[in-house]
């Protein structure tokens, strides 16, 4: 039996991309970005269960795409909340498998190798996330301006972020805090150590028009 359930919060508006619909439902070559994301996860996690947190008005739109992709029988739809925190918490109530991953709806390029590293590590660690090294210089804001920092001390965090179910449940007993931007930080606040594995550079989160242009190129030339 597959031990994985993947939560995909898909209730966001995505205003930064400047489109007429939420970015996860923007279509590339006739399919919404969310479907490309789900298909990548489905392939690399070997047919897990899915819980998609989304706004009710988009459920009917998404249904035929899920069916065409052969995913409808393993997808549970829950109501997306006002905040990402609310969406994940709603979805979490439906998880019954021992391992759970949370993945951004607009990250369709996570690689097989990244998933393999996560699956190997979750056996021995309560929380595992993919990260990549920074390649650009960083500066830290100060009261008097900015100052250079050592980029080797920092990493860029990706998804899916993966956990033993009981630890993610315990983390979501804590109230919403707008400074907590991902599940790993929420789990870390409960005292759980976050283990990291190498992600893949192309596992971008489609957020800006430039990201969308790159994603369109990658998805239509594969």
C-alpha atoms as a PDB file:
ATOM      1  CA  UNK A   1       0.000   0.000   0.000  1.00  0.00           C
ATOM      2  CA  UNK A   2       1.257   3.489  -0.826  1.00  0.00           C
ATOM      3  CA  UNK A   3       2.077   5.284   2.438  1.00  0.00           C
ATOM      4  CA  UNK A   4       1.771   8.782   0.972  1.00  0.00           C
ATOM      5  CA  UNK A   5      -0.950  11.405   0.905  1.00  0.00           C
ATOM      6  CA  UNK A   6      -0.062  14.653  -0.831  1.00  0.00           C
ATOM      7  CA  UNK A   7      -1.823  17.865   0.151  1.00  0.00           C
ATOM      8  CA  UNK A   8      -1.935  20.455  -2.617  1.00  0.00           C
ATOM      9  CA  UNK A   9      -3.245  23.861  -1.483  1.00  0.00           C
ATOM     10  CA  UNK A  10      -4.886  25.385  -4.561  1.00  0.00           C
ATOM     11  CA  UNK A  11      -7.021  28.135  -3.106  1.00  0.00           C
ATOM     12  CA  UNK A  12      -4.717  31.082  -3.749  1.00  0.00           C
ATOM     13  CA  UNK A  13      -5.569  34.054  -5.961  1.00  0.00           C
ATOM     14  CA  UNK A  14      -2.089  34.513  -7.441  1.00  0.00           C
ATOM     15  CA  UNK A  15      -2.448  38.267  -7.974  1.00  0.00           C
ATOM     16  CA  UNK A  16       1.265  38.837  -8.681  1.00  0.00           C
ATOM     17  CA  UNK A  17       1.045  37.058 -12.009  1.00  0.00           C
ATOM     18  CA  UNK A  18      -1.523  39.570 -13.293  1.00  0.00           C
ATOM     19  CA  UNK A  19      -3.898  37.043 -14.885  1.00  0.00           C
ATOM     20  CA  UNK A  20      -7.686  36.882 -15.045  1.00  0.00           C
ATOM     21  CA  UNK A  21      -7.820  33.700 -12.974  1.00  0.00           C
ATOM     22  CA  UNK A  22      -5.779  32.071 -10.189  1.00  0.00           C
ATOM     23  CA  UNK A  23      -2.414  30.978 -11.553  1.00  0.00           C
ATOM     24  CA  UNK A  24      -2.951  27.295 -10.749  1.00  0.00           C
ATOM     25  CA  UNK A  25      -5.813  27.270 -13.278  1.00  0.00           C
ATOM     26  CA  UNK A  26      -3.974  29.061 -16.060  1.00  0.00           C
ATOM     27  CA  UNK A  27      -3.874  26.722 -19.035  1.00  0.00           C
ATOM     28  CA  UNK A  28      -0.749  25.727 -20.930  1.00  0.00           C
ATOM     29  CA  UNK A  29      -1.351  23.625 -24.045  1.00  0.00           C
ATOM     30  CA  UNK A  30      -4.954  23.097 -22.969  1.00  0.00           C
ATOM     31  CA  UNK A  31      -4.344  21.951 -19.386  1.00  0.00           C
ATOM     32  CA  UNK A  32      -4.212  23.940 -16.122  1.00  0.00           C
ATOM     33  CA  UNK A  33      -0.860  24.182 -14.360  1.00  0.00           C
ATOM     34  CA  UNK A  34      -2.331  22.312 -11.391  1.00  0.00           C
ATOM     35  CA  UNK A  35      -2.844  19.214 -13.541  1.00  0.00           C
ATOM     36  CA  UNK A  36       0.797  19.220 -14.655  1.00  0.00           C
ATOM     37  CA  UNK A  37       1.782  19.454 -10.982  1.00  0.00           C
ATOM     38  CA  UNK A  38      -0.471  16.579  -9.946  1.00  0.00           C
ATOM     39  CA  UNK A  39       0.723  14.365 -12.791  1.00  0.00           C
ATOM     40  CA  UNK A  40       4.373  14.913 -11.868  1.00  0.00           C
ATOM     41  CA  UNK A  41       3.679  14.042  -8.238  1.00  0.00           C
ATOM     42  CA  UNK A  42       1.584  11.041  -9.221  1.00  0.00           C
ATOM     43  CA  UNK A  43       4.347   9.642 -11.390  1.00  0.00           C
ATOM     44  CA  UNK A  44       7.219  10.159  -8.979  1.00  0.00           C
ATOM     45  CA  UNK A  45       5.360   9.130  -5.792  1.00  0.00           C
ATOM     46  CA  UNK A  46       3.919   6.054  -7.551  1.00  0.00           C
ATOM     47  CA  UNK A  47       0.203   6.823  -7.352  1.00  0.00           C
ATOM     48  CA  UNK A  48      -0.323   8.382  -3.915  1.00  0.00           C
ATOM     49  CA  UNK A  49      -3.548   9.776  -2.525  1.00  0.00           C
ATOM     50  CA  UNK A  50      -4.210  13.474  -3.103  1.00  0.00           C
ATOM     51  CA  UNK A  51      -6.122  16.069  -1.142  1.00  0.00           C
ATOM     52  CA  UNK A  52      -6.678  19.313  -3.023  1.00  0.00           C
ATOM     53  CA  UNK A  53      -7.795  22.373  -1.072  1.00  0.00           C
ATOM     54  CA  UNK A  54      -9.539  24.723  -3.474  1.00  0.00           C
ATOM     55  CA  UNK A  55     -12.289  27.290  -3.842  1.00  0.00           C
ATOM     56  CA  UNK A  56     -15.690  25.744  -4.535  1.00  0.00           C
ATOM     57  CA  UNK A  57     -16.226  27.721  -7.733  1.00  0.00           C
ATOM     58  CA  UNK A  58     -13.313  25.943  -9.434  1.00  0.00           C
ATOM     59  CA  UNK A  59     -14.280  22.358  -8.567  1.00  0.00           C
ATOM     60  CA  UNK A  60     -16.531  21.855 -11.595  1.00  0.00           C
ATOM     61  CA  UNK A  61     -13.882  23.340 -13.889  1.00  0.00           C
ATOM     62  CA  UNK A  62     -11.170  20.999 -12.615  1.00  0.00           C
ATOM     63  CA  UNK A  63     -13.237  17.791 -12.553  1.00  0.00           C
ATOM     64  CA  UNK A  64     -12.902  16.769 -16.243  1.00  0.00           C
ATOM     65  CA  UNK A  65      -9.143  17.414 -16.187  1.00  0.00           C
ATOM     66  CA  UNK A  66      -8.768  15.143 -13.150  1.00  0.00           C
ATOM     67  CA  UNK A  67     -10.769  12.445 -14.907  1.00  0.00           C
ATOM     68  CA  UNK A  68      -8.773  12.720 -18.132  1.00  0.00           C
ATOM     69  CA  UNK A  69      -5.556  12.402 -16.131  1.00  0.00           C
ATOM     70  CA  UNK A  70      -6.867   9.330 -14.313  1.00  0.00           C
ATOM     71  CA  UNK A  71      -6.588  11.052 -10.955  1.00  0.00           C
ATOM     72  CA  UNK A  72     -10.214  11.536  -9.930  1.00  0.00           C
ATOM     73  CA  UNK A  73     -10.449   8.285  -7.948  1.00  0.00           C
ATOM     74  CA  UNK A  74      -7.501   9.235  -5.720  1.00  0.00           C
ATOM     75  CA  UNK A  75      -8.294  12.926  -5.261  1.00  0.00           C
ATOM     76  CA  UNK A  76     -10.293  14.298  -2.355  1.00  0.00           C
ATOM     77  CA  UNK A  77     -11.437  17.911  -2.637  1.00  0.00           C
ATOM     78  CA  UNK A  78     -11.728  20.101   0.461  1.00  0.00           C
ATOM     79  CA  UNK A  79     -12.574  23.758   0.846  1.00  0.00           C
ATOM     80  CA  UNK A  80      -9.665  26.124   0.510  1.00  0.00           C
ATOM     81  CA  UNK A  81      -9.329  28.585   3.361  1.00  0.00           C
ATOM     82  CA  UNK A  82      -8.617  32.289   3.537  1.00  0.00           C
ATOM     83  CA  UNK A  83      -4.938  31.586   4.225  1.00  0.00           C
ATOM     84  CA  UNK A  84      -2.719  28.741   3.035  1.00  0.00           C
ATOM     85  CA  UNK A  85      -2.582  27.658   6.673  1.00  0.00           C
ATOM     86  CA  UNK A  86      -6.357  27.180   6.664  1.00  0.00           C
ATOM     87  CA  UNK A  87      -6.273  25.168   3.446  1.00  0.00           C
ATOM     88  CA  UNK A  88      -3.639  22.768   4.728  1.00  0.00           C
ATOM     89  CA  UNK A  89      -5.401  22.405   8.066  1.00  0.00           C
ATOM     90  CA  UNK A  90      -8.683  21.562   6.304  1.00  0.00           C
ATOM     91  CA  UNK A  91      -6.927  18.993   4.126  1.00  0.00           C
ATOM     92  CA  UNK A  92      -5.031  17.475   7.031  1.00  0.00           C
ATOM     93  CA  UNK A  93      -8.253  16.266   8.609  1.00  0.00           C
ATOM     94  CA  UNK A  94      -8.699  13.838   5.699  1.00  0.00           C
ATOM     95  CA  UNK A  95      -5.231  12.255   5.788  1.00  0.00           C
ATOM     96  CA  UNK A  96      -5.061   8.622   6.917  1.00  0.00           C
ATOM     97  CA  UNK A  97      -1.643   7.547   5.622  1.00  0.00           C
ATOM     98  CA  UNK A  98       1.489   7.585   7.833  1.00  0.00           C
ATOM     99  CA  UNK A  99       3.382  10.015   5.596  1.00  0.00           C
ATOM    100  CA  UNK A 100       2.137  13.305   4.219  1.00  0.00           C
ATOM    101  CA  UNK A 101       3.640  15.803   1.803  1.00  0.00           C
ATOM    102  CA  UNK A 102       2.558  19.385   1.144  1.00  0.00           C
ATOM    103  CA  UNK A 103       3.313  20.700  -2.332  1.00  0.00           C
ATOM    104  CA  UNK A 104       2.672  24.038  -4.022  1.00  0.00           C
ATOM    105  CA  UNK A 105       0.018  23.829  -6.744  1.00  0.00           C
ATOM    106  CA  UNK A 106       2.237  25.734  -9.169  1.00  0.00           C
ATOM    107  CA  UNK A 107       5.427  23.659  -8.933  1.00  0.00           C
ATOM    108  CA  UNK A 108       5.036  21.239 -11.858  1.00  0.00           C
ATOM    109  CA  UNK A 109       8.757  20.552 -12.358  1.00  0.00           C
ATOM    110  CA  UNK A 110       9.773  18.604  -9.250  1.00  0.00           C
ATOM    111  CA  UNK A 111      12.085  15.831 -10.401  1.00  0.00           C
ATOM    112  CA  UNK A 112      12.100  12.088  -9.893  1.00  0.00           C
ATOM    113  CA  UNK A 113      15.475  12.364  -8.165  1.00  0.00           C
ATOM    114  CA  UNK A 114      14.190  14.934  -5.664  1.00  0.00           C
ATOM    115  CA  UNK A 115      11.222  12.722  -4.800  1.00  0.00           C
ATOM    116  CA  UNK A 116      13.453   9.678  -4.442  1.00  0.00           C
ATOM    117  CA  UNK A 117      15.647  11.534  -1.966  1.00  0.00           C
ATOM    118  CA  UNK A 118      12.594  12.609   0.042  1.00  0.00           C
ATOM    119  CA  UNK A 119      11.146   9.094   0.090  1.00  0.00           C
ATOM    120  CA  UNK A 120      14.436   7.597   1.246  1.00  0.00           C
ATOM    121  CA  UNK A 121      14.907  10.175   4.006  1.00  0.00           C
ATOM    122  CA  UNK A 122      11.394  10.102   5.447  1.00  0.00           C
ATOM    123  CA  UNK A 123      11.995   6.553   6.675  1.00  0.00           C
ATOM    124  CA  UNK A 124      14.514   7.822   9.241  1.00  0.00           C
ATOM    125  CA  UNK A 125      13.481  11.449   9.753  1.00  0.00           C
ATOM    126  CA  UNK A 126      10.255  13.011  11.034  1.00  0.00           C
ATOM    127  CA  UNK A 127      10.412  15.954   8.620  1.00  0.00           C
ATOM    128  CA  UNK A 128      12.233  16.266   5.293  1.00  0.00           C
ATOM    129  CA  UNK A 129      12.287  19.155   2.823  1.00  0.00           C
ATOM    130  CA  UNK A 130      14.098  19.803  -0.485  1.00  0.00           C
ATOM    131  CA  UNK A 131      16.485  22.744  -0.688  1.00  0.00           C
ATOM    132  CA  UNK A 132      18.929  24.190  -3.204  1.00  0.00           C
ATOM    133  CA  UNK A 133      22.019  26.305  -2.756  1.00  0.00           C
ATOM    134  CA  UNK A 134      21.866  30.003  -3.562  1.00  0.00           C
ATOM    135  CA  UNK A 135      23.795  31.246  -6.578  1.00  0.00           C
ATOM    136  CA  UNK A 136      23.224  34.999  -6.184  1.00  0.00           C
ATOM    137  CA  UNK A 137      24.723  37.368  -3.646  1.00  0.00           C
ATOM    138  CA  UNK A 138      22.612  38.414  -0.670  1.00  0.00           C
ATOM    139  CA  UNK A 139      22.337  41.578   1.376  1.00  0.00           C
ATOM    140  CA  UNK A 140      20.658  42.007   4.748  1.00  0.00           C
ATOM    141  CA  UNK A 141      18.519  45.052   5.520  1.00  0.00           C
ATOM    142  CA  UNK A 142      19.671  47.037   8.544  1.00  0.00           C
ATOM    143  CA  UNK A 143      18.489  50.204  10.263  1.00  0.00           C
ATOM    144  CA  UNK A 144      21.172  52.171   8.405  1.00  0.00           C
ATOM    145  CA  UNK A 145      20.998  50.503   5.003  1.00  0.00           C
ATOM    146  CA  UNK A 146      22.166  47.044   3.928  1.00  0.00           C
ATOM    147  CA  UNK A 147      25.113  44.763   4.529  1.00  0.00           C
ATOM    148  CA  UNK A 148      26.515  41.748   2.692  1.00  0.00           C
ATOM    149  CA  UNK A 149      25.942  38.281   4.142  1.00  0.00           C
ATOM    150  CA  UNK A 150      27.515  34.922   3.390  1.00  0.00           C
ATOM    151  CA  UNK A 151      25.156  33.151   0.986  1.00  0.00           C
ATOM    152  CA  UNK A 152      26.693  29.795   1.962  1.00  0.00           C
ATOM    153  CA  UNK A 153      24.785  30.106   5.252  1.00  0.00           C
ATOM    154  CA  UNK A 154      21.411  30.123   3.463  1.00  0.00           C
ATOM    155  CA  UNK A 155      19.383  27.778   1.276  1.00  0.00           C
ATOM    156  CA  UNK A 156      16.301  28.176  -0.889  1.00  0.00           C
ATOM    157  CA  UNK A 157      13.408  26.019   0.276  1.00  0.00           C
ATOM    158  CA  UNK A 158      11.208  24.071  -2.136  1.00  0.00           C
ATOM    159  CA  UNK A 159       8.299  21.650  -1.906  1.00  0.00           C
ATOM    160  CA  UNK A 160       7.054  18.988  -1.399  1.00  0.00           C
ATOM    161  CA  UNK A 161       7.726  19.258   2.308  1.00  0.00           C
ATOM    162  CA  UNK A 162       7.258  15.838   3.843  1.00  0.00           C
ATOM    163  CA  UNK A 163       6.374  14.723   7.363  1.00  0.00           C
ATOM    164  CA  UNK A 164       5.265  11.867   9.515  1.00  0.00           C
ATOM    165  CA  UNK A 165       1.565  12.553   9.917  1.00  0.00           C
ATOM    166  CA  UNK A 166       1.560  12.913  13.698  1.00  0.00           C
ATOM    167  CA  UNK A 167       4.116  15.724  13.591  1.00  0.00           C
ATOM    168  CA  UNK A 168       2.217  17.772  11.020  1.00  0.00           C
ATOM    169  CA  UNK A 169      -0.980  17.264  13.017  1.00  0.00           C
ATOM    170  CA  UNK A 170       0.747  18.510  16.157  1.00  0.00           C
ATOM    171  CA  UNK A 171       2.109  21.559  14.333  1.00  0.00           C
ATOM    172  CA  UNK A 172      -1.340  22.545  13.120  1.00  0.00           C
ATOM    173  CA  UNK A 173      -2.607  22.624  16.677  1.00  0.00           C
ATOM    174  CA  UNK A 174      -0.736  25.935  16.846  1.00  0.00           C
ATOM    175  CA  UNK A 175      -2.723  29.029  15.762  1.00  0.00           C
ATOM    176  CA  UNK A 176      -2.090  30.848  12.494  1.00  0.00           C
ATOM    177  CA  UNK A 177       0.883  33.201  12.430  1.00  0.00           C
ATOM    178  CA  UNK A 178       1.462  35.256   9.297  1.00  0.00           C
ATOM    179  CA  UNK A 179       5.240  35.149   9.780  1.00  0.00           C
ATOM    180  CA  UNK A 180       5.213  31.363   9.299  1.00  0.00           C
ATOM    181  CA  UNK A 181       5.424  30.928   5.545  1.00  0.00           C
ATOM    182  CA  UNK A 182       5.805  27.173   5.217  1.00  0.00           C
ATOM    183  CA  UNK A 183       4.965  23.916   6.963  1.00  0.00           C
ATOM    184  CA  UNK A 184       8.560  23.155   7.889  1.00  0.00           C
ATOM    185  CA  UNK A 185       8.803  26.247  10.062  1.00  0.00           C
ATOM    186  CA  UNK A 186       5.510  25.412  11.753  1.00  0.00           C
ATOM    187  CA  UNK A 187       6.693  21.864  12.481  1.00  0.00           C
ATOM    188  CA  UNK A 188      10.086  23.135  13.638  1.00  0.00           C
ATOM    189  CA  UNK A 189       8.358  25.270  16.265  1.00  0.00           C
ATOM    190  CA  UNK A 190       7.121  22.058  17.914  1.00  0.00           C
ATOM    191  CA  UNK A 191      10.725  20.951  18.485  1.00  0.00           C
ATOM    192  CA  UNK A 192      11.077  18.629  15.482  1.00  0.00           C
ATOM    193  CA  UNK A 193      14.360  18.805  13.563  1.00  0.00           C
ATOM    194  CA  UNK A 194      13.962  19.512   9.845  1.00  0.00           C
ATOM    195  CA  UNK A 195      16.133  17.298   7.652  1.00  0.00           C
ATOM    196  CA  UNK A 196      17.091  18.587   4.202  1.00  0.00           C
ATOM    197  CA  UNK A 197      17.820  16.890   0.888  1.00  0.00           C
ATOM    198  CA  UNK A 198      18.907  18.353  -2.432  1.00  0.00           C
ATOM    199  CA  UNK A 199      16.082  19.669  -4.582  1.00  0.00           C
ATOM    200  CA  UNK A 200      16.236  20.434  -8.295  1.00  0.00           C
ATOM    201  CA  UNK A 201      16.814  23.893  -9.733  1.00  0.00           C
ATOM    202  CA  UNK A 202      13.975  23.689 -12.257  1.00  0.00           C
ATOM    203  CA  UNK A 203      11.458  23.039  -9.451  1.00  0.00           C
ATOM    204  CA  UNK A 204      10.340  26.671  -9.608  1.00  0.00           C
ATOM    205  CA  UNK A 205       7.193  28.106  -8.095  1.00  0.00           C
ATOM    206  CA  UNK A 206       5.320  29.852 -10.904  1.00  0.00           C
ATOM    207  CA  UNK A 207       4.650  33.265  -9.388  1.00  0.00           C
ATOM    208  CA  UNK A 208       5.505  35.998 -11.905  1.00  0.00           C
ATOM    209  CA  UNK A 209       4.860  36.543 -15.640  1.00  0.00           C
ATOM    210  CA  UNK A 210       8.490  35.591 -16.275  1.00  0.00           C
ATOM    211  CA  UNK A 211       7.991  32.302 -14.418  1.00  0.00           C
ATOM    212  CA  UNK A 212       4.923  31.645 -16.557  1.00  0.00           C
ATOM    213  CA  UNK A 213       6.877  32.251 -19.759  1.00  0.00           C
ATOM    214  CA  UNK A 214       9.552  29.786 -18.650  1.00  0.00           C
ATOM    215  CA  UNK A 215       6.975  27.205 -17.591  1.00  0.00           C
ATOM    216  CA  UNK A 216       5.161  27.488 -20.909  1.00  0.00           C
ATOM    217  CA  UNK A 217       8.412  26.874 -22.747  1.00  0.00           C
ATOM    218  CA  UNK A 218       9.318  23.861 -20.625  1.00  0.00           C
ATOM    219  CA  UNK A 219       5.878  22.271 -20.767  1.00  0.00           C
ATOM    220  CA  UNK A 220       5.437  22.710 -24.500  1.00  0.00           C
ATOM    221  CA  UNK A 221       8.900  21.479 -25.505  1.00  0.00           C
ATOM    222  CA  UNK A 222       9.141  18.346 -23.361  1.00  0.00           C
END
